[in-house]
């Protein structure tokens, strides 16, 4: 399988589809289990003093969990509608 956009023409457009319906995406997308963030902290040594850069935050599901740990989170999202929901 190749990542050539000529072979997979819809590959880059899929993220734009989610941006068009951010509330629906946020509502139906499964959340991340708390154990994921516990493991992340255990493996990386991350704690409430940590600064985290989240690239492609979507609607902010992981962002909320990271913030709940007390981390300082800078989240970047290229989809304007997704970013607006994440800010909210």
C-alpha atoms as a PDB file:
ATOM      1  CA  UNK A   1       0.000   0.000   0.000  1.00  0.00           C
ATOM      2  CA  UNK A   2       1.287   3.437  -0.860  1.00  0.00           C
ATOM      3  CA  UNK A   3       0.664   6.897   0.572  1.00  0.00           C
ATOM      4  CA  UNK A   4       0.748   8.478  -2.891  1.00  0.00           C
ATOM      5  CA  UNK A   5      -2.165  10.995  -3.056  1.00  0.00           C
ATOM      6  CA  UNK A   6      -2.615  10.046  -6.713  1.00  0.00           C
ATOM      7  CA  UNK A   7      -3.406   6.501  -5.588  1.00  0.00           C
ATOM      8  CA  UNK A   8      -5.511   7.614  -2.604  1.00  0.00           C
ATOM      9  CA  UNK A   9      -7.173  10.863  -3.737  1.00  0.00           C
ATOM     10  CA  UNK A  10      -9.467  11.187  -0.694  1.00  0.00           C
ATOM     11  CA  UNK A  11      -6.733  10.673   1.891  1.00  0.00           C
ATOM     12  CA  UNK A  12      -6.104  14.382   2.532  1.00  0.00           C
ATOM     13  CA  UNK A  13      -9.764  15.386   2.247  1.00  0.00           C
ATOM     14  CA  UNK A  14     -10.976  13.179   5.101  1.00  0.00           C
ATOM     15  CA  UNK A  15      -9.874  15.631   7.801  1.00  0.00           C
ATOM     16  CA  UNK A  16     -11.790  18.380   6.055  1.00  0.00           C
ATOM     17  CA  UNK A  17     -14.974  16.306   6.241  1.00  0.00           C
ATOM     18  CA  UNK A  18     -14.656  16.073  10.033  1.00  0.00           C
ATOM     19  CA  UNK A  19     -14.126  19.843  10.182  1.00  0.00           C
ATOM     20  CA  UNK A  20     -17.496  20.337   8.461  1.00  0.00           C
ATOM     21  CA  UNK A  21     -19.364  18.473  11.232  1.00  0.00           C
ATOM     22  CA  UNK A  22     -17.294  18.997  14.405  1.00  0.00           C
ATOM     23  CA  UNK A  23     -20.177  18.565  16.887  1.00  0.00           C
ATOM     24  CA  UNK A  24     -21.198  15.256  15.314  1.00  0.00           C
ATOM     25  CA  UNK A  25     -17.576  14.096  15.189  1.00  0.00           C
ATOM     26  CA  UNK A  26     -17.078  14.981  18.855  1.00  0.00           C
ATOM     27  CA  UNK A  27     -20.303  13.277  19.901  1.00  0.00           C
ATOM     28  CA  UNK A  28     -19.758   9.938  18.121  1.00  0.00           C
ATOM     29  CA  UNK A  29     -15.976   9.584  18.341  1.00  0.00           C
ATOM     30  CA  UNK A  30     -14.955   7.313  21.218  1.00  0.00           C
ATOM     31  CA  UNK A  31     -13.023   9.067  23.951  1.00  0.00           C
ATOM     32  CA  UNK A  32      -9.589   8.094  25.191  1.00  0.00           C
ATOM     33  CA  UNK A  33      -9.411   5.798  28.229  1.00  0.00           C
ATOM     34  CA  UNK A  34      -7.964   7.276  31.417  1.00  0.00           C
ATOM     35  CA  UNK A  35      -5.395   4.468  31.408  1.00  0.00           C
ATOM     36  CA  UNK A  36      -3.851   5.933  28.250  1.00  0.00           C
ATOM     37  CA  UNK A  37      -2.965   9.138  30.069  1.00  0.00           C
ATOM     38  CA  UNK A  38      -1.808   7.253  33.175  1.00  0.00           C
ATOM     39  CA  UNK A  39       0.532   5.236  30.936  1.00  0.00           C
ATOM     40  CA  UNK A  40       1.681   8.397  29.147  1.00  0.00           C
ATOM     41  CA  UNK A  41       2.630   9.961  32.475  1.00  0.00           C
ATOM     42  CA  UNK A  42       4.339   6.796  33.707  1.00  0.00           C
ATOM     43  CA  UNK A  43       6.361   6.298  30.529  1.00  0.00           C
ATOM     44  CA  UNK A  44       7.378   9.912  29.933  1.00  0.00           C
ATOM     45  CA  UNK A  45       7.592  11.246  33.480  1.00  0.00           C
ATOM     46  CA  UNK A  46       5.052  13.896  32.507  1.00  0.00           C
ATOM     47  CA  UNK A  47       3.283  15.590  35.418  1.00  0.00           C
ATOM     48  CA  UNK A  48       1.333  18.750  36.274  1.00  0.00           C
ATOM     49  CA  UNK A  49       4.437  20.882  35.658  1.00  0.00           C
ATOM     50  CA  UNK A  50       4.754  19.592  32.095  1.00  0.00           C
ATOM     51  CA  UNK A  51       4.111  21.625  28.986  1.00  0.00           C
ATOM     52  CA  UNK A  52       2.487  19.679  26.165  1.00  0.00           C
ATOM     53  CA  UNK A  53       2.205  20.510  22.479  1.00  0.00           C
ATOM     54  CA  UNK A  54      -0.739  18.730  20.897  1.00  0.00           C
ATOM     55  CA  UNK A  55      -0.698  18.797  17.105  1.00  0.00           C
ATOM     56  CA  UNK A  56      -4.036  18.094  15.449  1.00  0.00           C
ATOM     57  CA  UNK A  57      -6.175  18.405  18.567  1.00  0.00           C
ATOM     58  CA  UNK A  58      -9.463  17.959  16.718  1.00  0.00           C
ATOM     59  CA  UNK A  59     -12.320  18.877  19.021  1.00  0.00           C
ATOM     60  CA  UNK A  60     -10.114  18.753  22.104  1.00  0.00           C
ATOM     61  CA  UNK A  61     -10.875  15.334  23.556  1.00  0.00           C
ATOM     62  CA  UNK A  62      -7.264  14.559  24.490  1.00  0.00           C
ATOM     63  CA  UNK A  63      -6.683  18.228  25.285  1.00  0.00           C
ATOM     64  CA  UNK A  64      -9.273  18.088  28.063  1.00  0.00           C
ATOM     65  CA  UNK A  65      -7.667  14.986  29.562  1.00  0.00           C
ATOM     66  CA  UNK A  66      -4.199  16.531  29.437  1.00  0.00           C
ATOM     67  CA  UNK A  67      -5.483  19.726  31.051  1.00  0.00           C
ATOM     68  CA  UNK A  68      -7.225  17.679  33.758  1.00  0.00           C
ATOM     69  CA  UNK A  69      -3.792  16.264  34.649  1.00  0.00           C
ATOM     70  CA  UNK A  70      -2.696  19.853  35.276  1.00  0.00           C
ATOM     71  CA  UNK A  71      -0.462  20.115  32.223  1.00  0.00           C
ATOM     72  CA  UNK A  72      -0.039  23.358  30.340  1.00  0.00           C
ATOM     73  CA  UNK A  73      -1.367  22.465  26.881  1.00  0.00           C
ATOM     74  CA  UNK A  74      -0.762  24.287  23.620  1.00  0.00           C
ATOM     75  CA  UNK A  75      -3.070  22.731  21.033  1.00  0.00           C
ATOM     76  CA  UNK A  76      -2.887  23.292  17.289  1.00  0.00           C
ATOM     77  CA  UNK A  77      -5.716  22.381  14.908  1.00  0.00           C
ATOM     78  CA  UNK A  78      -5.805  23.317  11.201  1.00  0.00           C
ATOM     79  CA  UNK A  79      -9.595  22.915  10.892  1.00  0.00           C
ATOM     80  CA  UNK A  80     -11.228  26.211  11.879  1.00  0.00           C
ATOM     81  CA  UNK A  81     -14.523  24.626  12.969  1.00  0.00           C
ATOM     82  CA  UNK A  82     -12.798  21.861  14.916  1.00  0.00           C
ATOM     83  CA  UNK A  83     -10.538  24.452  16.594  1.00  0.00           C
ATOM     84  CA  UNK A  84     -13.550  26.586  17.525  1.00  0.00           C
ATOM     85  CA  UNK A  85     -15.197  23.622  19.242  1.00  0.00           C
ATOM     86  CA  UNK A  86     -11.943  22.742  21.021  1.00  0.00           C
ATOM     87  CA  UNK A  87     -11.648  26.342  22.299  1.00  0.00           C
ATOM     88  CA  UNK A  88     -15.201  26.179  23.616  1.00  0.00           C
END
